[in-house]
Each structure stands twice: as structure tokens, then as C-alpha cells.
Amino acid sequence: MAEQIYFALSKDGHRWEALNGGEPLLISTVGEQGARDPFLLRSHDGKRFYLIATDLSINRGCTWEQAVREGSKAIVIWTSEDLTHWSGPRLAQVAPDDAGCAWAPEAIYDEDKGDYLVFWASTTGRDNFSKQRIWAARTQDFQTFGKPFIYIEKANTLIDTDIVHEGKKYYRFSKDEKFKAISMEVSDKLMKDWQDVPGFSLAKITGYEGPQCFLLEPGAAGKPRTWCLLLDFYSKGQGYKAWISHDLSRGQFTPIANFEFPFPFRHGSVLPVTAGEYERLKSVCGK
């Protein structure tokens, strides 16, 4: 069953095994009854988890042209306290009323505002759905959302934004649809002063989307952190390819081949878990 939510588990972030026998663990029965581009987030207080996804099913007969102009304005949301028992799915409209879609939602906690910034890609009727922009809205609880606003405006269509926070810096990865390439930006603040990272080593590779950056190894005395950037090689249908960096500020990523996936993973998210959470997922969902 495609266009639903699959889970996988790894002890080292390199070798992954599918949970639930490779079958979906969460199935959307709301909206368009498809869930794509899932993003998994641990709440700031550590008490719960949110999983948000695109409300879209191409397999049910919707064309991509229809999806851009006549798609869902909502995202699909599941909530859990232990990663194994989930409430939902439910829909929340986040995009403006004239939006044609709401794609690839992600969220990050805003330390300055004390709430979550949820962001996604939308076209809008006000410019005849001419391009995708990254929109955003704020929420305290993923139940109610503030008024949507344009978060990233570029000359070209932009989708698939991913943001990570390291130290005092935020790093932002997005896909430019004109050049089919990934960009990398940096800022001290979520809401302003974003600048391109000079010399980003992956800026000219094409045919990739769905960037997902995560901390692969925390580092230790005399050993720097290791960050991993996963990119979906969608143009060749090969799923994720992996690159690593020991210093995000330099924007230098090296390809790494020792990643093992049970099938071609595409446009998902990675969440570090505790040993207890790992064992619970393995016990409850591993069969």
C-alpha cells in the first residue's frame, strides 16, 4: 500500500530495518486518504510526538496538475506519547483559502517565540498558481494554527524545506524546482537574515529532492559531530542517498555509501530515539 506512513529503525543511523513487516504503520482515512512526505517531531517538553504529512493521493486518480491547483489545503496529523500508539489521523487546514495545495510540511520549535513554526509549500490562486512558495503558520499544540504567511519567497518555485538547529545557528535546505537542485542557507534567527552558505558542495547536483538533515553522531572529546544529509534521488527512482559533514557552517558534504535501507526510502524524516524507545518500537512494531 503506497502513499501511507512506513516506519524503520536503526541503532547506528546507517543500517535500517523496516518495522511492521514493511507494511504501513499509519494509514490516512481522512481527506484524500493518502499521506506523503511525513515529518516526525518530538515536542519541546519531550512528552509527546507529532507526525505531520501531506494530504495527497496520486494513486487514487488525482493528477499532478490537479494536485497543484485543486489539492488539499490541510495537513494530516497524528499524535503519540510513546511512538507506538497514535491518535488520529486528523486534518488541519494550514494553507490560505486560495491555496492549491499544502505539500511537505515540517515543523521546528522557535526558541525566541516559544511555539512551533510549521512550514510547507503552497501555490495560490492570487497569481494563477504560477509557483510554489514556502508558507508557514504558528502553533502551540498542533490543534490550532495561526494565520498562514509567506515564509520564503524566491524568484523560482521552492519546495521541500528542512531546517536544523545547531548551537546558535539555523540551517535551511530547500529544493529549487527550476534548477532541480538543493540550496543551503544559514541564519541566527528563524524569521530573518537568511544567507546562502558559501561553497555549499551539493549546490550543483540535480535530480534530488526531499532533503533531510539530522545528527548522525553526537561527537566526543577530540571528535567533531557528524551530520547526515539524506536526499531523495527521485529522478532515477533510487530513493535516499547520503552525505555527511563534520561542520555545517562550511557546507561541505561527502558522499557515504554504507547506508542500508530495506527498500528505497523516499522523502521522510529521521528522529533520534532513546534506548527504551528503540526497544519498545522493536517489541511492539518489529514483527
Protein backbone atom coordinates (compact mmCIF):
# COMPACT_ATOMS: atom_id res chain seq x y z
CA MET A 1 0.00 0.00 0.00
CA ALA A 2 1.69 3.17 -1.19
CA GLU A 3 1.25 6.78 0.00
CA GLN A 4 0.95 5.87 3.67
CA ILE A 5 3.32 6.01 6.66
CA TYR A 6 6.09 3.42 6.99
CA PHE A 7 8.49 3.17 9.93
CA ALA A 8 12.07 1.91 10.09
CA LEU A 9 14.51 1.55 12.97
CA SER A 10 18.28 1.80 13.25
CA LYS A 11 20.81 1.55 16.08
CA ASP A 12 23.51 3.50 14.29
CA GLY A 13 21.70 5.57 11.66
CA HIS A 14 23.44 3.61 8.90
CA ARG A 15 21.67 0.24 8.76
CA TRP A 16 17.89 0.38 8.80
CA GLU A 17 15.25 -2.30 9.21
CA ALA A 18 11.59 -1.96 8.33
CA LEU A 19 9.01 -2.22 11.09
CA ASN A 20 5.63 -3.95 10.81
CA GLY A 21 6.94 -6.33 8.16
CA GLY A 22 7.45 -3.48 5.74
CA GLU A 23 3.74 -2.59 5.79
CA PRO A 24 2.34 0.84 6.73
CA LEU A 25 2.03 1.56 10.43
CA LEU A 26 -0.22 4.57 9.95
CA ILE A 27 -2.91 4.86 7.27
CA SER A 28 -4.77 8.04 6.43
CA THR A 29 -8.55 7.65 6.26
CA VAL A 30 -9.22 11.39 6.07
CA GLY A 31 -9.09 13.97 3.32
CA GLU A 32 -7.60 12.49 0.16
CA GLN A 33 -6.80 9.27 2.05
CA GLY A 34 -3.13 9.44 1.24
CA ALA A 35 -0.21 10.59 3.39
CA ARG A 36 3.07 11.63 1.79
CA ASP A 37 6.27 13.42 2.93
CA PRO A 38 5.93 12.54 6.65
CA PHE A 39 7.76 14.57 9.28
CA LEU A 40 8.19 13.27 12.85
CA LEU A 41 8.79 15.72 15.69
CA ARG A 42 9.39 15.31 19.42
CA SER A 43 7.62 18.03 21.41
CA HIS A 44 9.75 20.65 23.12
CA ASP A 45 8.78 19.33 26.56
CA GLY A 46 9.52 15.75 25.49
CA LYS A 47 6.08 14.48 26.46
CA ARG A 48 4.66 13.64 23.04
CA PHE A 49 5.36 13.17 19.36
CA TYR A 50 3.71 14.73 16.34
CA LEU A 51 3.70 13.27 12.86
CA ILE A 52 2.56 15.58 10.08
CA ALA A 53 2.22 14.74 6.39
CA THR A 54 0.93 15.93 3.03
CA ASP A 55 -2.75 15.15 2.44
CA LEU A 56 -2.42 13.75 -1.08
CA SER A 57 -3.07 10.55 -3.04
CA ILE A 58 -1.92 10.44 -6.64
CA ASN A 59 -2.72 6.72 -6.76
CA ARG A 60 -6.42 7.41 -6.28
CA GLY A 61 -6.66 9.16 -9.63
CA CYS A 62 -5.52 12.71 -8.90
CA THR A 63 -3.09 14.10 -11.48
CA TRP A 64 -0.13 16.26 -10.51
CA GLU A 65 -1.70 19.20 -12.36
CA GLN A 66 -4.86 18.82 -10.28
CA ALA A 67 -2.82 18.37 -7.11
CA VAL A 68 -1.10 21.73 -7.63
CA ARG A 69 -4.29 23.69 -8.35
CA GLU A 70 -7.09 21.73 -6.66
CA GLY A 71 -5.34 19.86 -3.86
CA SER A 72 -5.87 19.82 -0.12
CA LYS A 73 -5.22 22.93 1.95
CA ALA A 74 -4.79 20.74 5.04
CA ILE A 75 -2.08 18.58 6.51
CA VAL A 76 -2.59 15.18 8.15
CA ILE A 77 -1.65 14.95 11.84
CA TRP A 78 -1.07 12.03 14.20
CA THR A 79 -0.10 12.35 17.90
CA SER A 80 1.57 9.85 20.24
CA GLU A 81 3.09 9.69 23.71
CA ASP A 82 5.24 6.61 23.05
CA LEU A 83 5.72 6.26 19.24
CA THR A 84 3.70 3.04 19.20
CA HIS A 85 0.15 4.17 20.00
CA TRP A 86 -1.17 7.00 17.86
CA SER A 87 -4.26 9.20 17.89
CA GLY A 88 -5.50 10.41 14.54
CA PRO A 89 -5.37 10.84 11.69
CA ARG A 90 -6.97 14.25 11.61
CA LEU A 91 -6.86 17.16 9.21
CA ALA A 92 -5.85 20.74 9.96
CA GLN A 93 -6.13 23.44 7.33
CA VAL A 94 -2.94 25.44 7.40
CA ALA A 95 -2.75 26.94 3.90
CA PRO A 96 -4.62 30.09 2.82
CA ASP A 97 -8.10 29.74 1.35
CA ASP A 98 -6.88 30.30 -2.22
CA ALA A 99 -4.09 27.72 -1.95
CA GLY A 100 -3.88 24.94 -4.50
CA CYS A 101 -2.00 22.56 -2.20
CA ALA A 102 -0.06 22.18 1.05
CA TRP A 103 2.98 19.99 0.45
CA ALA A 104 5.79 18.51 2.55
CA PRO A 105 5.02 20.06 5.95
CA GLU A 106 7.73 20.26 8.59
CA ALA A 107 7.98 21.98 11.95
CA ILE A 108 10.61 23.33 14.31
CA TYR A 109 10.40 24.79 17.78
CA ASP A 110 11.10 28.52 17.82
CA GLU A 111 13.17 29.27 20.92
CA ASP A 112 12.50 33.01 20.63
CA LYS A 113 8.71 32.77 20.32
CA GLY A 114 8.12 29.70 22.47
CA ASP A 115 5.96 27.96 19.87
CA TYR A 116 6.30 25.82 16.75
CA LEU A 117 6.84 27.15 13.26
CA VAL A 118 5.09 24.82 10.81
CA PHE A 119 6.07 25.35 7.17
CA TRP A 120 5.12 23.81 3.83
CA ALA A 121 4.91 24.56 0.09
CA SER A 122 1.77 26.05 -1.50
CA THR A 123 0.67 27.51 -4.79
CA THR A 124 -2.07 30.14 -4.66
CA GLY A 125 -4.81 31.38 -6.96
CA ARG A 126 -3.78 35.03 -6.46
CA ASP A 127 -1.02 34.52 -9.07
CA ASN A 128 -2.81 31.76 -11.01
CA PHE A 129 -0.82 29.04 -9.23
CA SER A 130 2.33 30.17 -11.04
CA LYS A 131 4.82 28.87 -8.48
CA GLN A 132 5.30 27.19 -5.14
CA ARG A 133 6.34 29.28 -2.15
CA ILE A 134 7.14 28.20 1.37
CA TRP A 135 4.33 29.25 3.66
CA ALA A 136 4.20 28.96 7.45
CA ALA A 137 1.91 29.20 10.45
CA ARG A 138 2.47 29.06 14.18
CA THR A 139 1.01 26.65 16.70
CA GLN A 140 1.38 25.81 20.38
CA ASP A 141 -0.26 22.39 20.24
CA PHE A 142 -0.81 21.25 16.62
CA GLN A 143 -4.53 21.66 17.27
CA THR A 144 -5.00 25.29 16.32
CA PHE A 145 -2.84 27.22 13.89
CA GLY A 146 -2.28 30.90 13.35
CA LYS A 147 -2.82 32.81 10.14
CA PRO A 148 -0.64 31.49 7.30
CA PHE A 149 2.05 33.77 5.90
CA ILE A 150 4.73 33.55 3.22
CA TYR A 151 7.90 32.35 4.93
CA ILE A 152 10.29 32.01 1.97
CA GLU A 153 9.87 33.99 -1.26
CA LYS A 154 12.32 33.31 -4.07
CA ALA A 155 12.29 34.07 -7.80
CA ASN A 156 11.78 30.39 -8.57
CA THR A 157 9.45 27.69 -7.30
CA LEU A 158 10.64 26.35 -3.95
CA ILE A 159 9.57 23.15 -2.17
CA ASP A 160 10.75 20.62 0.44
CA THR A 161 12.31 22.90 3.06
CA ASP A 162 14.09 21.28 6.03
CA ILE A 163 15.57 23.21 8.98
CA VAL A 164 18.01 22.10 11.69
CA HIS A 165 19.34 24.00 14.69
CA GLU A 166 22.96 23.69 15.82
CA GLY A 167 24.42 25.92 18.51
CA LYS A 168 23.35 29.47 17.74
CA LYS A 169 22.70 28.84 14.05
CA TYR A 170 19.79 27.58 11.98
CA TYR A 171 20.49 25.79 8.71
CA ARG A 172 17.88 25.54 5.99
CA PHE A 173 17.80 23.19 2.99
CA SER A 174 15.27 23.60 0.14
CA LYS A 175 14.69 22.35 -3.38
CA ASP A 176 14.68 24.85 -6.24
CA GLU A 177 12.29 23.45 -8.84
CA LYS A 178 13.70 25.46 -11.74
CA PHE A 179 17.19 24.03 -11.43
CA LYS A 180 16.11 20.80 -9.66
CA ALA A 181 18.87 21.50 -7.16
CA ILE A 182 19.21 21.80 -3.36
CA SER A 183 20.11 25.09 -1.66
CA MET A 184 21.57 25.61 1.81
CA GLU A 185 21.12 28.76 3.92
CA VAL A 186 22.15 29.87 7.40
CA SER A 187 20.80 32.38 9.93
CA ASP A 188 20.90 33.26 13.62
CA LYS A 189 17.11 33.63 13.60
CA LEU A 190 14.30 31.54 12.17
CA MET A 191 12.46 34.53 10.80
CA LYS A 192 15.10 36.75 9.19
CA ASP A 193 18.60 37.33 7.86
CA TRP A 194 18.95 34.08 5.93
CA GLN A 195 22.03 33.90 3.70
CA ASP A 196 23.31 31.26 1.29
CA VAL A 197 26.09 29.11 2.75
CA PRO A 198 29.15 29.95 0.62
CA GLY A 199 30.60 27.00 -1.24
CA PHE A 200 27.78 24.55 -0.44
CA SER A 201 29.25 21.45 -2.07
CA LEU A 202 25.95 19.95 -3.27
CA ALA A 203 24.55 23.10 -4.87
CA LYS A 204 25.08 21.90 -8.44
CA ILE A 205 23.90 18.30 -8.22
CA THR A 206 20.47 17.85 -9.81
CA GLY A 207 17.62 15.37 -9.71
CA TYR A 208 17.34 15.24 -5.91
CA GLU A 209 14.60 16.44 -3.53
CA GLY A 210 13.22 15.93 -0.03
CA PRO A 211 16.33 16.97 1.94
CA GLN A 212 16.51 15.63 5.48
CA CYS A 213 19.42 16.65 7.71
CA PHE A 214 19.99 15.02 11.10
CA LEU A 215 22.69 14.49 13.70
CA LEU A 216 24.22 11.10 12.93
CA GLU A 217 26.87 11.04 15.69
CA PRO A 218 26.95 13.49 18.64
CA GLY A 219 30.72 13.72 18.78
CA ALA A 220 33.02 13.45 21.79
CA ALA A 221 36.25 14.86 23.15
CA GLY A 222 38.52 15.48 20.19
CA LYS A 223 35.91 14.20 17.76
CA PRO A 224 33.50 16.54 15.93
CA ARG A 225 29.82 15.93 15.40
CA THR A 226 28.73 14.10 12.28
CA TRP A 227 25.71 15.41 10.41
CA CYS A 228 23.98 13.40 7.71
CA LEU A 229 22.06 14.87 4.79
CA LEU A 230 19.69 12.48 3.02
CA LEU A 231 18.47 13.40 -0.45
CA ASP A 232 15.85 11.52 -2.45
CA PHE A 233 17.29 10.65 -5.88
CA TYR A 234 13.79 10.89 -7.32
CA SER A 235 14.86 11.45 -10.92
CA LYS A 236 16.32 7.93 -11.01
CA GLY A 237 13.80 6.35 -8.66
CA GLN A 238 16.58 5.26 -6.31
CA GLY A 239 15.37 6.83 -3.05
CA TYR A 240 17.76 8.20 -0.45
CA LYS A 241 21.44 8.85 -1.00
CA ALA A 242 23.53 10.00 1.97
CA TRP A 243 26.20 12.67 2.55
CA ILE A 244 27.96 13.60 5.80
CA SER A 245 29.50 16.76 7.21
CA HIS A 246 31.54 17.46 10.33
CA ASP A 247 30.92 21.20 10.16
CA LEU A 248 27.61 22.53 8.84
CA SER A 249 28.94 26.08 8.71
CA ARG A 250 31.31 25.14 5.89
CA GLY A 251 28.61 23.48 3.78
CA GLN A 252 30.95 20.68 2.73
CA PHE A 253 29.31 17.26 2.41
CA THR A 254 30.98 13.99 1.49
CA PRO A 255 29.05 11.07 -0.05
CA ILE A 256 28.87 7.97 2.12
CA ALA A 257 27.87 4.56 0.83
CA ASN A 258 27.47 2.41 3.95
CA PHE A 259 23.77 3.11 4.36
CA GLU A 260 21.44 0.13 4.12
CA PHE A 261 17.70 0.52 3.61
CA PRO A 262 15.23 -2.39 3.30
CA PHE A 263 13.65 -0.70 0.28
CA PRO A 264 14.09 2.68 -1.47
CA PHE A 265 13.15 5.14 1.28
CA ARG A 266 11.86 8.48 0.00
CA HIS A 267 11.10 11.90 1.47
CA GLY A 268 10.63 11.03 5.11
CA SER A 269 12.24 12.19 8.34
CA VAL A 270 14.67 10.92 10.98
CA LEU A 271 14.14 11.20 14.73
CA PRO A 272 16.73 10.16 17.35
CA VAL A 273 15.21 7.86 19.99
CA THR A 274 16.29 6.66 23.41
CA ALA A 275 17.31 3.07 24.11
CA GLY A 276 13.95 2.50 25.80
CA GLU A 277 12.03 3.91 22.85
CA TYR A 278 14.08 1.76 20.49
CA GLU A 279 13.29 -1.43 22.43
CA ARG A 280 9.59 -0.55 22.68
CA LEU A 281 9.34 0.08 18.94
CA LYS A 282 11.21 -3.15 18.25
CA SER A 283 8.93 -5.12 20.57
CA VAL A 284 5.60 -3.61 19.55
CA CYS A 285 6.12 -2.87 15.86
CA GLY A 286 9.05 -5.02 14.84
CA LYS A 287 7.18 -8.07 13.60
